[in-house]
Amino acid sequence: MTEQVVDISGELLRRLRGTVLPAVLTPMDERGTVDLGVLRAYAAKLDAAPVGGFAVWAHTGRGLYLSAADRAHVLRTWRAATDKPLVVGAGVPRDLAPATASVEQAEAAVETMAVTAAELGADAVMVYPLHALAALPDGHARAVRLHERVARASGLPVLGFFLHGEAGGYEYPPALVRDLLALPGALGLKLATLDRAMACQDAIRTAQATDRLVVTGEDRMFGPSLMWGADTALVGIAAARAELTTAVLDAWRAADHTAFVRASARLDRFAEATFYSPIEGYVQRMHWAAVWEGLLPEAAAHDPFGPPLPQGERDRVVSCLEELAREGAA
């Protein structure tokens, strides 16, 4: 494995800053079989949207749950479908059983996944946080070293990932955010704090002191996170409703506050219909939205890795989409 020092050029930062990156879905049947034909069609449709790139192997696409072969097929399909940047998730695959793996095994798995992503055409990697590091006396230093190792091993810029604890994340304190973004290979920080407004604000304030990307993944605090200083977005909602997200970000960057308030209110209503307990159910809710949007067929719109959801939850998603569509046509 060839290691190299990664330094961030301005080109990738310029291409991504101020844009939306959908955390894309992976079309699957009820048994978890990936439909590559549907994926190609889905990728072509999303590539036509006004987005800056795509997040592949992210949580919305169940990247850590897929087999290594399926992950490779998925990333190759996206690389063939678009010239836009691909930010690819690198974490501990679920078949390694994170609960029983040692920290060293987990770190090695992240590094291996990042190297594979680079070989398959990724432009950057997003490192899933290792929850176990938060409890270690040297967890802070190990987290920094892990990001540095991933950048060196893969040769790619690295996006840090502040992920809320309910999803198995590590809630990076400001000091760790500062040290991660000081790495030569740091592209920026992606925030998914869920409902922790203070933690989100603190992390954004720290990240703003750098020239790296401040990436919001706050589907339920999207508008506020932009007002707090986030400059780019990587969100699950955009996997099915890209325009809801781009409208908010575009209005904010244009300082069109009337349009921003309207667009933010529309996105908030959809987020309320899709991001709620059980939070893991949001992936299936996004699949339902993608079916309604005509992005996926019914047969390939399943999340076998999430909790079972009652029909009423699908009705809630569809009702919201229909209401938003009526308003848009008025």
Protein backbone atom coordinates (compact mmCIF):
# COMPACT_ATOMS: atom_id res chain seq x y z
CA MET A 1 0.00 0.00 0.00
CA THR A 2 1.54 3.31 -1.11
CA GLU A 3 1.16 6.14 1.38
CA GLN A 4 1.38 9.81 0.54
CA VAL A 5 0.82 13.15 2.16
CA VAL A 6 -2.45 14.65 0.98
CA ASP A 7 -2.73 18.40 0.67
CA ILE A 8 -6.03 19.98 -0.25
CA SER A 9 -6.01 21.89 -3.51
CA GLY A 10 -8.47 24.71 -3.90
CA GLU A 11 -10.20 23.05 -6.85
CA LEU A 12 -12.24 20.49 -4.93
CA LEU A 13 -13.10 23.02 -2.23
CA ARG A 14 -14.33 25.45 -4.88
CA ARG A 15 -16.36 22.79 -6.67
CA LEU A 16 -18.15 21.68 -3.51
CA ARG A 17 -18.53 24.85 -1.47
CA GLY A 18 -22.05 26.23 -1.62
CA THR A 19 -23.51 23.10 -3.20
CA VAL A 20 -25.75 20.21 -2.15
CA LEU A 21 -24.50 16.63 -2.16
CA PRO A 22 -27.35 14.11 -1.92
CA ALA A 23 -26.59 11.15 0.36
CA VAL A 24 -27.87 8.77 -2.28
CA LEU A 25 -30.11 5.74 -1.85
CA THR A 26 -29.23 2.20 -2.90
CA PRO A 27 -32.14 0.55 -4.76
CA MET A 28 -32.82 -2.86 -3.20
CA ASP A 29 -35.55 -5.45 -3.04
CA GLU A 30 -37.00 -6.84 0.19
CA ARG A 31 -34.11 -9.31 0.56
CA GLY A 32 -31.45 -6.63 0.17
CA THR A 33 -30.49 -7.50 -3.41
CA VAL A 34 -29.14 -4.38 -5.12
CA ASP A 35 -30.74 -3.58 -8.48
CA LEU A 36 -27.92 -2.11 -10.58
CA GLY A 37 -30.18 -1.41 -13.53
CA VAL A 38 -32.44 0.73 -11.38
CA LEU A 39 -29.37 2.32 -9.79
CA ARG A 40 -28.07 3.42 -13.20
CA ALA A 41 -31.39 5.06 -14.03
CA TYR A 42 -31.62 6.67 -10.58
CA ALA A 43 -28.06 8.01 -10.87
CA ALA A 44 -28.79 9.51 -14.29
CA LYS A 45 -31.85 11.31 -12.96
CA LEU A 46 -30.03 12.73 -9.95
CA ASP A 47 -27.03 13.72 -12.05
CA ALA A 48 -29.35 16.03 -13.99
CA ALA A 49 -30.27 17.87 -10.77
CA PRO A 50 -28.47 21.12 -9.83
CA VAL A 51 -26.27 19.47 -7.20
CA GLY A 52 -22.53 19.68 -6.66
CA GLY A 53 -21.75 16.01 -6.20
CA PHE A 54 -22.90 12.88 -4.42
CA ALA A 55 -22.26 11.06 -1.17
CA VAL A 56 -22.00 7.33 -1.85
CA TRP A 57 -21.83 4.55 0.78
CA ALA A 58 -23.39 7.01 3.24
CA HIS A 59 -25.94 5.96 5.85
CA THR A 60 -28.87 6.77 3.54
CA GLY A 61 -27.43 4.31 1.03
CA ARG A 62 -26.66 1.74 3.75
CA GLY A 63 -23.01 1.71 2.73
CA LEU A 64 -21.79 -0.11 5.84
CA TYR A 65 -24.47 -2.78 5.50
CA LEU A 66 -23.71 -3.73 1.90
CA SER A 67 -21.37 -6.55 0.99
CA ALA A 68 -17.96 -5.55 -0.32
CA ALA A 69 -18.99 -6.71 -3.79
CA ASP A 70 -22.20 -4.65 -3.72
CA ARG A 71 -20.34 -1.58 -2.48
CA ALA A 72 -17.93 -1.92 -5.39
CA HIS A 73 -20.77 -2.29 -7.91
CA VAL A 74 -22.57 0.73 -6.44
CA LEU A 75 -19.53 3.01 -6.54
CA ARG A 76 -18.53 1.92 -10.05
CA THR A 77 -22.08 2.69 -11.20
CA TRP A 78 -21.96 6.19 -9.74
CA ARG A 79 -18.49 6.84 -11.15
CA ALA A 80 -19.71 5.86 -14.62
CA ALA A 81 -22.84 8.00 -14.23
CA THR A 82 -21.32 11.35 -13.28
CA ASP A 83 -18.34 13.64 -13.64
CA LYS A 84 -19.33 15.39 -10.42
CA PRO A 85 -17.28 14.76 -7.26
CA LEU A 86 -18.05 11.64 -5.25
CA VAL A 87 -17.55 11.77 -1.49
CA VAL A 88 -17.53 8.18 -0.30
CA GLY A 89 -18.18 6.95 3.23
CA ALA A 90 -15.46 4.92 4.96
CA GLY A 91 -16.32 3.12 8.18
CA VAL A 92 -16.53 -0.26 9.83
CA PRO A 93 -18.66 -2.64 7.71
CA ARG A 94 -21.45 -4.26 9.68
CA ASP A 95 -20.20 -7.74 8.82
CA LEU A 96 -17.17 -6.99 10.99
CA ALA A 97 -19.53 -6.57 13.97
CA PRO A 98 -18.27 -3.28 15.47
CA ALA A 99 -19.44 -4.32 18.95
CA THR A 100 -16.91 -7.15 19.09
CA ALA A 101 -14.11 -5.76 16.94
CA SER A 102 -11.10 -4.26 18.67
CA VAL A 103 -10.34 -0.58 18.14
CA GLU A 104 -7.33 -1.59 16.06
CA GLN A 105 -9.48 -3.82 13.84
CA ALA A 106 -12.02 -1.04 13.44
CA GLU A 107 -9.35 1.49 12.49
CA ALA A 108 -7.89 -0.93 9.95
CA ALA A 109 -11.35 -1.51 8.46
CA VAL A 110 -11.91 2.22 7.98
CA GLU A 111 -8.52 2.55 6.30
CA THR A 112 -9.17 -0.43 4.01
CA MET A 113 -12.59 0.87 2.99
CA ALA A 114 -11.10 4.27 2.15
CA VAL A 115 -8.36 2.72 0.01
CA THR A 116 -10.97 0.68 -1.85
CA ALA A 117 -13.03 3.83 -2.44
CA ALA A 118 -9.97 5.53 -3.93
CA GLU A 119 -9.30 2.60 -6.22
CA LEU A 120 -12.90 2.75 -7.46
CA GLY A 121 -12.84 6.44 -8.33
CA ALA A 122 -13.80 8.41 -5.23
CA ASP A 123 -12.78 12.07 -5.05
CA ALA A 124 -12.82 12.25 -1.24
CA VAL A 125 -13.71 10.05 1.72
CA MET A 126 -15.96 10.78 4.66
CA VAL A 127 -14.75 8.96 7.77
CA TYR A 128 -17.47 7.48 9.95
CA PRO A 129 -16.53 8.25 13.57
CA LEU A 130 -15.50 5.37 15.81
CA HIS A 131 -17.77 5.60 18.85
CA ALA A 132 -15.35 3.59 21.00
CA LEU A 133 -12.68 6.31 20.76
CA ALA A 134 -14.78 8.72 22.81
CA ALA A 135 -14.26 6.60 25.93
CA LEU A 136 -10.51 6.11 25.57
CA PRO A 137 -7.98 8.30 27.40
CA ASP A 138 -6.14 8.84 24.12
CA GLY A 139 -9.32 8.84 22.00
CA HIS A 140 -8.78 12.40 20.79
CA ALA A 141 -5.26 11.67 19.54
CA ARG A 142 -6.34 8.36 17.99
CA ALA A 143 -9.18 10.04 16.11
CA VAL A 144 -6.77 12.58 14.63
CA ARG A 145 -4.29 9.86 13.69
CA LEU A 146 -7.04 7.79 12.07
CA HIS A 147 -8.04 10.64 9.76
CA GLU A 148 -4.40 11.29 8.94
CA ARG A 149 -3.81 7.57 8.20
CA VAL A 150 -6.88 7.40 5.97
CA ALA A 151 -5.73 10.41 3.96
CA ARG A 152 -2.23 9.01 3.54
CA ALA A 153 -3.34 5.47 2.66
CA SER A 154 -6.06 6.49 0.21
CA GLY A 155 -4.38 9.56 -1.24
CA LEU A 156 -7.72 11.37 -0.95
CA PRO A 157 -8.97 14.39 0.97
CA VAL A 158 -10.86 13.46 4.13
CA LEU A 159 -14.15 14.83 5.39
CA GLY A 160 -14.64 14.51 9.14
CA PHE A 161 -18.06 13.37 10.32
CA PHE A 162 -19.59 14.60 13.58
CA LEU A 163 -22.37 12.01 13.99
CA HIS A 164 -24.86 11.91 16.83
CA GLY A 165 -24.53 9.09 19.34
CA GLU A 166 -27.84 7.38 18.52
CA ALA A 167 -26.37 6.45 15.13
CA GLY A 168 -23.21 5.13 16.73
CA GLY A 169 -21.21 8.29 16.24
CA TYR A 170 -18.62 10.24 18.17
CA GLU A 171 -19.77 13.72 19.13
CA TYR A 172 -16.56 15.60 18.37
CA PRO A 173 -15.84 18.41 20.86
CA PRO A 174 -14.55 21.74 19.47
CA ALA A 175 -10.92 20.88 20.30
CA LEU A 176 -11.11 17.73 18.18
CA VAL A 177 -12.84 19.59 15.35
CA ARG A 178 -9.99 22.10 15.41
CA ASP A 179 -7.30 19.42 15.29
CA LEU A 180 -9.03 17.41 12.54
CA LEU A 181 -9.39 20.44 10.30
CA ALA A 182 -5.74 21.37 10.85
CA LEU A 183 -4.64 18.19 9.05
CA PRO A 184 -3.19 18.81 5.58
CA GLY A 185 -5.62 16.29 4.11
CA ALA A 186 -8.77 17.68 5.75
CA LEU A 187 -11.49 18.68 3.30
CA GLY A 188 -13.92 19.82 5.98
CA LEU A 189 -16.43 18.66 8.56
CA LYS A 190 -19.87 17.12 8.02
CA LEU A 191 -22.37 17.70 10.86
CA ALA A 192 -25.21 15.34 11.72
CA THR A 193 -26.01 16.20 15.34
CA LEU A 194 -29.75 15.46 14.85
CA ASP A 195 -31.20 17.76 17.53
CA ARG A 196 -28.20 19.13 19.41
CA ALA A 197 -28.34 22.79 18.52
CA MET A 198 -25.60 23.87 20.92
CA ALA A 199 -23.17 21.17 19.81
CA CYS A 200 -23.90 22.01 16.18
CA GLN A 201 -23.30 25.71 16.76
CA ASP A 202 -20.07 25.08 18.65
CA ALA A 203 -18.70 22.82 15.93
CA ILE A 204 -19.64 25.26 13.18
CA ARG A 205 -18.02 28.16 15.00
CA THR A 206 -14.82 26.17 15.37
CA ALA A 207 -14.83 25.02 11.75
CA GLN A 208 -15.48 28.55 10.47
CA ALA A 209 -12.05 29.60 11.70
CA THR A 210 -10.53 27.43 8.95
CA ASP A 211 -10.79 27.57 5.17
CA ARG A 212 -12.29 24.06 5.01
CA LEU A 213 -15.86 23.09 4.18
CA VAL A 214 -18.52 23.37 6.88
CA VAL A 215 -21.03 20.78 5.70
CA THR A 216 -24.49 20.54 7.18
CA GLY A 217 -26.23 17.20 7.36
CA GLU A 218 -28.87 18.63 9.68
CA ASP A 219 -32.11 17.64 7.95
CA ARG A 220 -34.15 18.83 10.96
CA MET A 221 -32.09 22.02 11.50
CA PHE A 222 -31.15 22.78 7.92
CA GLY A 223 -32.04 26.45 7.71
CA PRO A 224 -30.65 27.30 11.16
CA SER A 225 -27.38 25.47 10.43
CA LEU A 226 -26.86 27.72 7.40
CA MET A 227 -27.55 30.80 9.51
CA TRP A 228 -25.00 29.52 12.04
CA GLY A 229 -22.34 29.31 9.32
CA ALA A 230 -22.54 26.04 7.36
CA ASP A 231 -21.66 26.64 3.70
CA THR A 232 -22.32 23.27 2.01
CA ALA A 233 -24.85 20.45 2.45
CA LEU A 234 -24.73 16.65 2.47
CA VAL A 235 -28.18 15.38 3.35
CA GLY A 236 -30.48 12.40 2.99
CA ILE A 237 -33.51 14.46 1.96
CA ALA A 238 -31.76 15.37 -1.30
CA ALA A 239 -31.66 11.68 -2.24
CA ALA A 240 -35.36 11.96 -3.05
CA ARG A 241 -36.12 15.72 -3.05
CA ALA A 242 -32.98 17.50 -4.18
CA GLU A 243 -34.79 20.69 -5.13
CA LEU A 244 -36.20 21.16 -1.63
CA THR A 245 -32.65 21.36 -0.32
CA THR A 246 -31.05 23.34 -3.14
CA ALA A 247 -33.80 25.95 -2.94
CA VAL A 248 -32.94 26.70 0.69
CA LEU A 249 -29.18 26.84 0.17
CA ASP A 250 -29.46 28.91 -3.01
CA ALA A 251 -31.78 31.43 -1.39
CA TRP A 252 -29.49 31.79 1.62
CA ARG A 253 -26.40 32.32 -0.51
CA ALA A 254 -28.27 34.90 -2.63
CA ALA A 255 -29.37 36.74 0.54
CA ASP A 256 -32.97 36.43 -0.67
CA HIS A 257 -34.49 36.20 2.77
CA THR A 258 -38.10 36.01 1.61
CA ALA A 259 -37.30 33.03 -0.61
CA PHE A 260 -35.15 31.51 2.14
CA VAL A 261 -37.97 31.58 4.69
CA ARG A 262 -40.42 30.02 2.25
CA ALA A 263 -38.02 27.33 1.05
CA SER A 264 -36.87 26.53 4.57
CA ALA A 265 -40.46 26.13 5.74
CA ARG A 266 -41.17 23.70 2.90
CA LEU A 267 -38.09 21.62 3.67
CA ASP A 268 -38.90 21.63 7.38
CA ARG A 269 -42.34 20.19 6.74
CA PHE A 270 -40.92 17.35 4.68
CA ALA A 271 -38.21 16.73 7.29
CA GLU A 272 -40.90 16.45 9.97
CA ALA A 273 -42.62 13.79 7.87
CA THR A 274 -39.46 11.75 7.38
CA PHE A 275 -36.96 12.34 10.22
CA TYR A 276 -38.53 11.27 13.50
CA SER A 277 -38.42 8.30 15.85
CA PRO A 278 -37.46 5.67 14.96
CA ILE A 279 -34.78 7.73 13.22
CA GLU A 280 -33.46 4.63 11.42
CA GLY A 281 -36.79 4.57 9.61
CA TYR A 282 -35.84 7.66 7.61
CA VAL A 283 -34.08 5.53 4.98
CA GLN A 284 -37.28 3.67 4.13
CA ARG A 285 -39.22 6.92 4.21
CA MET A 286 -36.79 8.35 1.64
CA HIS A 287 -37.34 5.27 -0.53
CA TRP A 288 -41.09 5.91 -0.40
CA ALA A 289 -40.51 9.54 -1.38
CA ALA A 290 -38.28 8.45 -4.27
CA VAL A 291 -41.08 6.17 -5.55
CA TRP A 292 -43.56 9.05 -5.39
CA GLU A 293 -41.06 11.25 -7.25
CA GLY A 294 -40.62 8.64 -9.99
CA LEU A 295 -36.96 8.11 -9.13
CA LEU A 296 -37.34 4.47 -8.09
CA PRO A 297 -39.81 1.68 -8.89
CA GLU A 298 -41.70 0.09 -6.03
CA ALA A 299 -39.85 -3.22 -6.34
CA ALA A 300 -36.46 -1.59 -5.68
CA ALA A 301 -37.49 0.76 -2.90
CA HIS A 302 -36.87 -1.31 0.22
CA ASP A 303 -34.62 -0.86 3.25
CA PRO A 304 -34.23 -4.34 4.74
CA PHE A 305 -31.82 -3.02 7.37
CA GLY A 306 -34.20 -0.59 9.06
CA PRO A 307 -37.09 -1.10 11.47
CA PRO A 308 -40.51 -2.23 10.21
CA LEU A 309 -42.79 0.76 9.66
CA PRO A 310 -46.60 0.89 9.58
CA GLN A 311 -48.53 1.95 6.49
CA GLY A 312 -49.51 5.15 8.25
CA GLU A 313 -45.93 6.38 8.02
CA ARG A 314 -45.94 5.99 4.25
CA ASP A 315 -49.26 7.80 4.09
CA ARG A 316 -47.71 10.66 6.06
CA VAL A 317 -44.79 10.94 3.61
CA VAL A 318 -47.06 10.86 0.55
CA SER A 319 -49.52 13.32 2.05
CA CYS A 320 -46.73 15.79 2.68
CA LEU A 321 -45.37 15.39 -0.85
CA GLU A 322 -48.80 15.92 -2.37
CA GLU A 323 -49.37 19.03 -0.27
CA LEU A 324 -46.01 20.49 -1.30
CA ALA A 325 -46.75 19.71 -4.94
CA ARG A 326 -50.13 21.47 -4.78
CA GLU A 327 -48.52 24.55 -3.26
CA GLY A 328 -45.83 24.55 -5.92
CA ALA A 329 -48.42 24.44 -8.69
CA ALA A 330 -50.50 27.26 -7.19
